[in-house]
Amino acid sequence: MAGHNVEGSAQSASKAQNKRIKWNIIKTMIIVSAFFIVCWFPVNVYLLVVPTLDTSELAIGYLVTLFLPYVNISVNPFIYSTKHEGVRRILTRIIICRRRDDVAAVAGTAAGSSVNTGNTRAQTRF
């Protein structure tokens, strides 16, 4: 009987985890959709209301409303990275690996210029 309780609690924990993941995805999609509407709605309304740009005030308004979609495009990756642990983990791994590669490249060039490693065949192949 004790084995059944352990399996049951593991299944309920798994169901709770799945429910949290689904709710997190729903919240993320609501945030992304709302931000999309807020950023794209002004430029579309502006293009419907003001078909021609005759004055400089209207041109400035157009430039301001045209800037918002670019903001939306730029912010989307940050929304996903803050809402999903998997994306955060992958981005962290990419950033850490690049830092290590940068440090290794700098250390390799410094070591190669000051110390002769004796491995001239490997260096001449490339």
N, C-alpha and C. Protein backbone atom coordinates (compact mmCIF):
# COMPACT_ATOMS: atom_id res chain seq x y z
N MET A 1 0.81 -1.19 0.00
CA MET A 1 0.00 0.00 0.00
C MET A 1 0.86 1.26 0.00
N ALA A 2 1.99 1.23 0.67
CA ALA A 2 2.84 2.42 0.75
C ALA A 2 3.35 2.80 -0.63
N GLY A 3 3.62 1.82 -1.48
CA GLY A 3 4.10 2.09 -2.84
C GLY A 3 3.06 2.83 -3.67
N HIS A 4 1.79 2.53 -3.46
CA HIS A 4 0.74 3.20 -4.21
C HIS A 4 0.64 4.68 -3.84
N ASN A 5 0.83 4.98 -2.58
CA ASN A 5 0.76 6.37 -2.14
C ASN A 5 1.90 7.21 -2.72
N VAL A 6 3.08 6.61 -2.83
CA VAL A 6 4.22 7.31 -3.39
C VAL A 6 3.97 7.60 -4.87
N GLU A 7 3.45 6.60 -5.60
CA GLU A 7 3.17 6.80 -7.02
C GLU A 7 2.06 7.83 -7.20
N GLY A 8 1.07 7.79 -6.35
CA GLY A 8 -0.04 8.74 -6.44
C GLY A 8 0.42 10.16 -6.17
N SER A 9 1.28 10.33 -5.20
CA SER A 9 1.77 11.68 -4.90
C SER A 9 2.68 12.18 -6.01
N ALA A 10 3.44 11.28 -6.62
CA ALA A 10 4.30 11.67 -7.74
C ALA A 10 3.45 12.09 -8.93
N GLN A 11 2.34 11.37 -9.16
CA GLN A 11 1.45 11.73 -10.27
C GLN A 11 0.77 13.06 -10.00
N SER A 12 0.34 13.31 -8.77
CA SER A 12 -0.31 14.58 -8.46
C SER A 12 0.69 15.73 -8.56
N ALA A 13 1.94 15.49 -8.17
CA ALA A 13 2.97 16.52 -8.32
C ALA A 13 3.23 16.80 -9.79
N SER A 14 3.24 15.75 -10.60
CA SER A 14 3.44 15.91 -12.04
C SER A 14 2.28 16.68 -12.67
N LYS A 15 1.06 16.38 -12.24
CA LYS A 15 -0.10 17.10 -12.75
C LYS A 15 -0.05 18.57 -12.35
N ALA A 16 0.35 18.83 -11.12
CA ALA A 16 0.46 20.21 -10.65
C ALA A 16 1.53 20.96 -11.44
N GLN A 17 2.64 20.30 -11.72
CA GLN A 17 3.71 20.91 -12.53
C GLN A 17 3.21 21.22 -13.93
N ASN A 18 2.49 20.26 -14.54
CA ASN A 18 1.95 20.49 -15.88
C ASN A 18 0.97 21.65 -15.89
N LYS A 19 0.16 21.74 -14.85
CA LYS A 19 -0.82 22.82 -14.75
C LYS A 19 -0.10 24.17 -14.64
N ARG A 20 0.97 24.24 -13.83
CA ARG A 20 1.75 25.47 -13.71
C ARG A 20 2.40 25.87 -15.03
N ILE A 21 2.92 24.88 -15.75
CA ILE A 21 3.55 25.15 -17.04
C ILE A 21 2.52 25.70 -18.03
N LYS A 22 1.35 25.07 -18.07
CA LYS A 22 0.30 25.54 -18.99
C LYS A 22 -0.15 26.95 -18.63
N TRP A 23 -0.33 27.22 -17.33
CA TRP A 23 -0.75 28.55 -16.90
C TRP A 23 0.32 29.59 -17.22
N ASN A 24 1.58 29.23 -17.07
CA ASN A 24 2.67 30.13 -17.40
C ASN A 24 2.68 30.45 -18.90
N ILE A 25 2.41 29.47 -19.73
CA ILE A 25 2.34 29.69 -21.18
C ILE A 25 1.17 30.60 -21.52
N ILE A 26 0.04 30.39 -20.88
CA ILE A 26 -1.14 31.23 -21.13
C ILE A 26 -0.85 32.68 -20.72
N LYS A 27 -0.24 32.87 -19.55
CA LYS A 27 0.09 34.23 -19.11
C LYS A 27 1.07 34.89 -20.07
N THR A 28 2.05 34.13 -20.53
CA THR A 28 3.03 34.68 -21.47
C THR A 28 2.36 35.12 -22.76
N MET A 29 1.46 34.29 -23.28
CA MET A 29 0.78 34.64 -24.53
C MET A 29 -0.14 35.84 -24.34
N ILE A 30 -0.75 35.98 -23.19
CA ILE A 30 -1.59 37.16 -22.92
C ILE A 30 -0.72 38.41 -22.88
N ILE A 31 0.43 38.34 -22.22
CA ILE A 31 1.33 39.49 -22.15
C ILE A 31 1.85 39.87 -23.53
N VAL A 32 2.28 38.87 -24.31
CA VAL A 32 2.80 39.13 -25.65
C VAL A 32 1.70 39.73 -26.54
N SER A 33 0.50 39.19 -26.46
CA SER A 33 -0.61 39.69 -27.29
C SER A 33 -1.00 41.11 -26.88
N ALA A 34 -1.06 41.37 -25.59
CA ALA A 34 -1.41 42.72 -25.12
C ALA A 34 -0.35 43.73 -25.55
N PHE A 35 0.91 43.35 -25.42
CA PHE A 35 1.99 44.25 -25.82
C PHE A 35 1.96 44.48 -27.33
N PHE A 36 1.62 43.45 -28.10
CA PHE A 36 1.49 43.58 -29.54
C PHE A 36 0.40 44.59 -29.90
N ILE A 37 -0.74 44.49 -29.24
CA ILE A 37 -1.86 45.40 -29.51
C ILE A 37 -1.47 46.83 -29.14
N VAL A 38 -0.85 47.01 -27.97
CA VAL A 38 -0.48 48.35 -27.52
C VAL A 38 0.53 48.98 -28.48
N CYS A 39 1.44 48.19 -29.03
CA CYS A 39 2.48 48.75 -29.89
C CYS A 39 2.03 48.94 -31.34
N TRP A 40 1.19 48.07 -31.86
CA TRP A 40 0.80 48.15 -33.26
C TRP A 40 -0.50 48.93 -33.50
N PHE A 41 -1.35 49.03 -32.50
CA PHE A 41 -2.63 49.72 -32.67
C PHE A 41 -2.47 51.19 -33.06
N PRO A 42 -1.60 51.97 -32.40
CA PRO A 42 -1.49 53.39 -32.75
C PRO A 42 -1.08 53.65 -34.20
N VAL A 43 -0.14 52.90 -34.71
CA VAL A 43 0.29 53.13 -36.10
C VAL A 43 -0.81 52.76 -37.08
N ASN A 44 -1.57 51.72 -36.80
CA ASN A 44 -2.67 51.35 -37.70
C ASN A 44 -3.80 52.36 -37.65
N VAL A 45 -4.12 52.85 -36.47
CA VAL A 45 -5.15 53.89 -36.36
C VAL A 45 -4.67 55.16 -37.05
N TYR A 46 -3.42 55.51 -36.86
CA TYR A 46 -2.86 56.70 -37.49
C TYR A 46 -2.96 56.61 -39.01
N LEU A 47 -2.65 55.47 -39.56
CA LEU A 47 -2.70 55.30 -41.02
C LEU A 47 -4.14 55.34 -41.54
N LEU A 48 -5.09 54.94 -40.73
CA LEU A 48 -6.49 55.02 -41.13
C LEU A 48 -7.04 56.44 -41.02
N VAL A 49 -6.67 57.15 -39.97
CA VAL A 49 -7.22 58.48 -39.72
C VAL A 49 -6.55 59.54 -40.59
N VAL A 50 -5.25 59.45 -40.73
CA VAL A 50 -4.50 60.47 -41.47
C VAL A 50 -3.89 59.83 -42.72
N PRO A 51 -4.61 59.85 -43.83
CA PRO A 51 -4.08 59.19 -45.03
C PRO A 51 -2.92 59.93 -45.69
N THR A 52 -2.85 61.25 -45.52
CA THR A 52 -1.74 62.00 -46.13
C THR A 52 -1.03 62.79 -45.05
N LEU A 53 0.26 63.00 -45.25
CA LEU A 53 1.07 63.76 -44.29
C LEU A 53 1.36 65.13 -44.88
N ASP A 54 0.56 66.14 -44.50
CA ASP A 54 0.73 67.48 -45.06
C ASP A 54 1.57 68.39 -44.15
N THR A 55 1.46 68.22 -42.86
CA THR A 55 2.17 69.11 -41.95
C THR A 55 3.25 68.36 -41.19
N SER A 56 4.15 69.13 -40.61
CA SER A 56 5.26 68.51 -39.88
C SER A 56 4.79 67.85 -38.58
N GLU A 57 3.70 68.39 -37.95
CA GLU A 57 3.17 67.77 -36.74
C GLU A 57 2.67 66.37 -37.02
N LEU A 58 2.05 66.20 -38.17
CA LEU A 58 1.56 64.87 -38.52
C LEU A 58 2.72 63.92 -38.81
N ALA A 59 3.78 64.44 -39.39
CA ALA A 59 4.94 63.60 -39.68
C ALA A 59 5.62 63.16 -38.38
N ILE A 60 5.68 64.05 -37.41
CA ILE A 60 6.28 63.69 -36.12
C ILE A 60 5.43 62.62 -35.43
N GLY A 61 4.11 62.77 -35.48
CA GLY A 61 3.21 61.76 -34.92
C GLY A 61 3.39 60.42 -35.59
N TYR A 62 3.59 60.44 -36.91
CA TYR A 62 3.81 59.20 -37.64
C TYR A 62 5.11 58.53 -37.19
N LEU A 63 6.14 59.33 -37.03
CA LEU A 63 7.42 58.75 -36.60
C LEU A 63 7.33 58.15 -35.20
N VAL A 64 6.59 58.81 -34.32
CA VAL A 64 6.43 58.28 -32.97
C VAL A 64 5.65 56.97 -33.00
N THR A 65 4.56 56.94 -33.78
CA THR A 65 3.77 55.71 -33.84
C THR A 65 4.50 54.61 -34.60
N LEU A 66 5.36 54.99 -35.52
CA LEU A 66 6.13 53.99 -36.25
C LEU A 66 7.22 53.37 -35.39
N PHE A 67 7.68 54.08 -34.38
CA PHE A 67 8.71 53.59 -33.47
C PHE A 67 8.19 52.45 -32.58
N LEU A 68 6.92 52.47 -32.22
CA LEU A 68 6.36 51.48 -31.30
C LEU A 68 6.46 50.03 -31.79
N PRO A 69 6.18 49.73 -33.07
CA PRO A 69 6.37 48.33 -33.50
C PRO A 69 7.80 47.82 -33.35
N TYR A 70 8.76 48.71 -33.53
CA TYR A 70 10.15 48.29 -33.33
C TYR A 70 10.43 47.99 -31.86
N VAL A 71 9.79 48.73 -30.99
CA VAL A 71 9.91 48.44 -29.56
C VAL A 71 9.33 47.06 -29.26
N ASN A 72 8.18 46.77 -29.87
CA ASN A 72 7.55 45.46 -29.67
C ASN A 72 8.47 44.33 -30.12
N ILE A 73 9.06 44.49 -31.27
CA ILE A 73 9.96 43.46 -31.80
C ILE A 73 11.17 43.27 -30.87
N SER A 74 11.66 44.36 -30.32
CA SER A 74 12.84 44.29 -29.46
C SER A 74 12.55 43.70 -28.09
N VAL A 75 11.34 43.90 -27.59
CA VAL A 75 11.02 43.49 -26.22
C VAL A 75 10.57 42.04 -26.15
N ASN A 76 10.08 41.48 -27.22
CA ASN A 76 9.57 40.10 -27.19
C ASN A 76 10.57 39.08 -26.63
N PRO A 77 11.82 39.07 -27.03
CA PRO A 77 12.74 38.09 -26.44
C PRO A 77 12.88 38.24 -24.93
N PHE A 78 12.82 39.46 -24.43
CA PHE A 78 12.94 39.68 -22.99
C PHE A 78 11.70 39.18 -22.26
N ILE A 79 10.54 39.30 -22.89
CA ILE A 79 9.31 38.77 -22.28
C ILE A 79 9.44 37.26 -22.14
N TYR A 80 9.84 36.60 -23.22
CA TYR A 80 9.98 35.14 -23.16
C TYR A 80 11.05 34.72 -22.17
N SER A 81 12.14 35.44 -22.12
CA SER A 81 13.22 35.03 -21.22
C SER A 81 12.85 35.21 -19.76
N THR A 82 12.02 36.17 -19.46
CA THR A 82 11.62 36.35 -18.06
C THR A 82 10.53 35.39 -17.64
N LYS A 83 9.76 34.88 -18.58
CA LYS A 83 8.62 34.04 -18.23
C LYS A 83 8.93 32.55 -18.26
N HIS A 84 9.96 32.11 -18.95
CA HIS A 84 10.22 30.68 -19.09
C HIS A 84 11.60 30.31 -18.56
N GLU A 85 11.60 29.37 -17.65
CA GLU A 85 12.84 28.92 -17.02
C GLU A 85 13.77 28.27 -18.05
N GLY A 86 13.21 27.51 -18.99
CA GLY A 86 14.03 26.85 -20.00
C GLY A 86 14.77 27.85 -20.87
N VAL A 87 14.10 28.91 -21.27
CA VAL A 87 14.74 29.94 -22.09
C VAL A 87 15.82 30.65 -21.27
N ARG A 88 15.52 30.95 -20.01
CA ARG A 88 16.51 31.58 -19.14
C ARG A 88 17.76 30.72 -19.00
N ARG A 89 17.55 29.43 -18.83
CA ARG A 89 18.68 28.51 -18.66
C ARG A 89 19.54 28.47 -19.92
N ILE A 90 18.90 28.40 -21.09
CA ILE A 90 19.64 28.34 -22.35
C ILE A 90 20.40 29.64 -22.59
N LEU A 91 19.73 30.78 -22.36
CA LEU A 91 20.41 32.06 -22.55
C LEU A 91 21.59 32.21 -21.60
N THR A 92 21.42 31.77 -20.37
CA THR A 92 22.52 31.83 -19.41
C THR A 92 23.68 30.97 -19.87
N ARG A 93 23.37 29.78 -20.37
CA ARG A 93 24.41 28.88 -20.86
C ARG A 93 25.14 29.49 -22.06
N ILE A 94 24.40 30.13 -22.96
CA ILE A 94 25.02 30.76 -24.13
C ILE A 94 25.93 31.90 -23.70
N ILE A 95 25.45 32.73 -22.79
CA ILE A 95 26.24 33.88 -22.34
C ILE A 95 27.49 33.42 -21.62
N ILE A 96 27.36 32.41 -20.76
CA ILE A 96 28.52 31.90 -20.02
C ILE A 96 29.52 31.27 -20.98
N CYS A 97 29.05 30.49 -21.97
CA CYS A 97 29.98 29.87 -22.93
C CYS A 97 30.70 30.92 -23.75
N ARG A 98 30.02 31.96 -24.15
CA ARG A 98 30.69 33.01 -24.92
C ARG A 98 31.73 33.72 -24.07
N ARG A 99 31.44 33.93 -22.81
CA ARG A 99 32.43 34.57 -21.94
C ARG A 99 33.65 33.69 -21.81
N ARG A 100 33.44 32.39 -21.66
CA ARG A 100 34.58 31.47 -21.56
C ARG A 100 35.37 31.47 -22.86
N ASP A 101 34.67 31.45 -24.02
CA ASP A 101 35.35 31.47 -25.30
C ASP A 101 36.16 32.75 -25.48
N ASP A 102 35.57 33.88 -25.07
CA ASP A 102 36.28 35.15 -25.17
C ASP A 102 37.52 35.15 -24.30
N VAL A 103 37.41 34.63 -23.09
CA VAL A 103 38.54 34.58 -22.17
C VAL A 103 39.59 33.62 -22.72
N ALA A 104 39.16 32.49 -23.26
CA ALA A 104 40.10 31.52 -23.81
C ALA A 104 40.81 32.08 -25.04
N ALA A 105 40.08 32.82 -25.87
CA ALA A 105 40.70 33.40 -27.05
C ALA A 105 41.74 34.45 -26.67
N VAL A 106 41.40 35.28 -25.71
CA VAL A 106 42.35 36.29 -25.26
C VAL A 106 43.55 35.62 -24.60
N ALA A 107 43.32 34.62 -23.77
CA ALA A 107 44.41 33.92 -23.11
C ALA A 107 45.26 33.17 -24.13
N GLY A 108 44.61 32.60 -25.16
CA GLY A 108 45.34 31.87 -26.19
C GLY A 108 46.24 32.76 -27.01
N THR A 109 45.75 33.95 -27.38
CA THR A 109 46.59 34.86 -28.15
C THR A 109 47.71 35.42 -27.30
N ALA A 110 47.45 35.67 -26.04
CA ALA A 110 48.51 36.18 -25.16
C ALA A 110 49.55 35.10 -24.92
N ALA A 111 49.13 33.86 -24.72
CA ALA A 111 50.07 32.77 -24.47
C ALA A 111 50.83 32.44 -25.74
N GLY A 112 50.18 32.50 -26.88
CA GLY A 112 50.83 32.17 -28.14
C GLY A 112 51.87 33.20 -28.53
N SER A 113 51.68 34.44 -28.17
CA SER A 113 52.64 35.48 -28.54
C SER A 113 53.84 35.52 -27.60
N SER A 114 53.65 35.11 -26.35
CA SER A 114 54.76 35.23 -25.41
C SER A 114 55.50 33.92 -25.19
N VAL A 115 54.81 32.79 -25.41
CA VAL A 115 55.43 31.51 -25.13
C VAL A 115 55.33 30.65 -26.38
N ASN A 116 56.40 30.03 -26.78
CA ASN A 116 56.40 29.12 -27.92
C ASN A 116 55.98 27.75 -27.42
N THR A 117 54.86 27.25 -27.94
CA THR A 117 54.34 25.97 -27.46
C THR A 117 54.98 24.79 -28.15
N GLY A 118 55.66 25.02 -29.26
CA GLY A 118 56.30 23.92 -29.95
C GLY A 118 55.36 23.16 -30.86
N ASN A 119 54.13 23.54 -30.96
CA ASN A 119 53.15 22.87 -31.79
C ASN A 119 52.98 23.67 -33.08
N THR A 120 54.01 23.71 -33.89
CA THR A 120 53.98 24.54 -35.10
C THR A 120 53.17 23.88 -36.20
N ARG A 121 53.11 22.53 -36.25
CA ARG A 121 52.33 21.87 -37.30
C ARG A 121 50.83 22.19 -37.15
N ALA A 122 50.31 22.20 -35.94
CA ALA A 122 48.90 22.48 -35.72
C ALA A 122 48.60 23.95 -36.07
N GLN A 123 49.57 24.83 -35.85
CA GLN A 123 49.34 26.23 -36.14
C GLN A 123 49.42 26.51 -37.64
N THR A 124 50.25 25.77 -38.38
CA THR A 124 50.41 26.04 -39.82
C THR A 124 49.30 25.43 -40.65
N ARG A 125 48.54 24.47 -40.12
CA ARG A 125 47.43 23.87 -40.88
C ARG A 125 46.35 24.88 -41.17
N PHE A 126 46.12 25.78 -40.27
CA PHE A 126 45.02 26.73 -40.43
C PHE A 126 45.56 27.95 -41.07
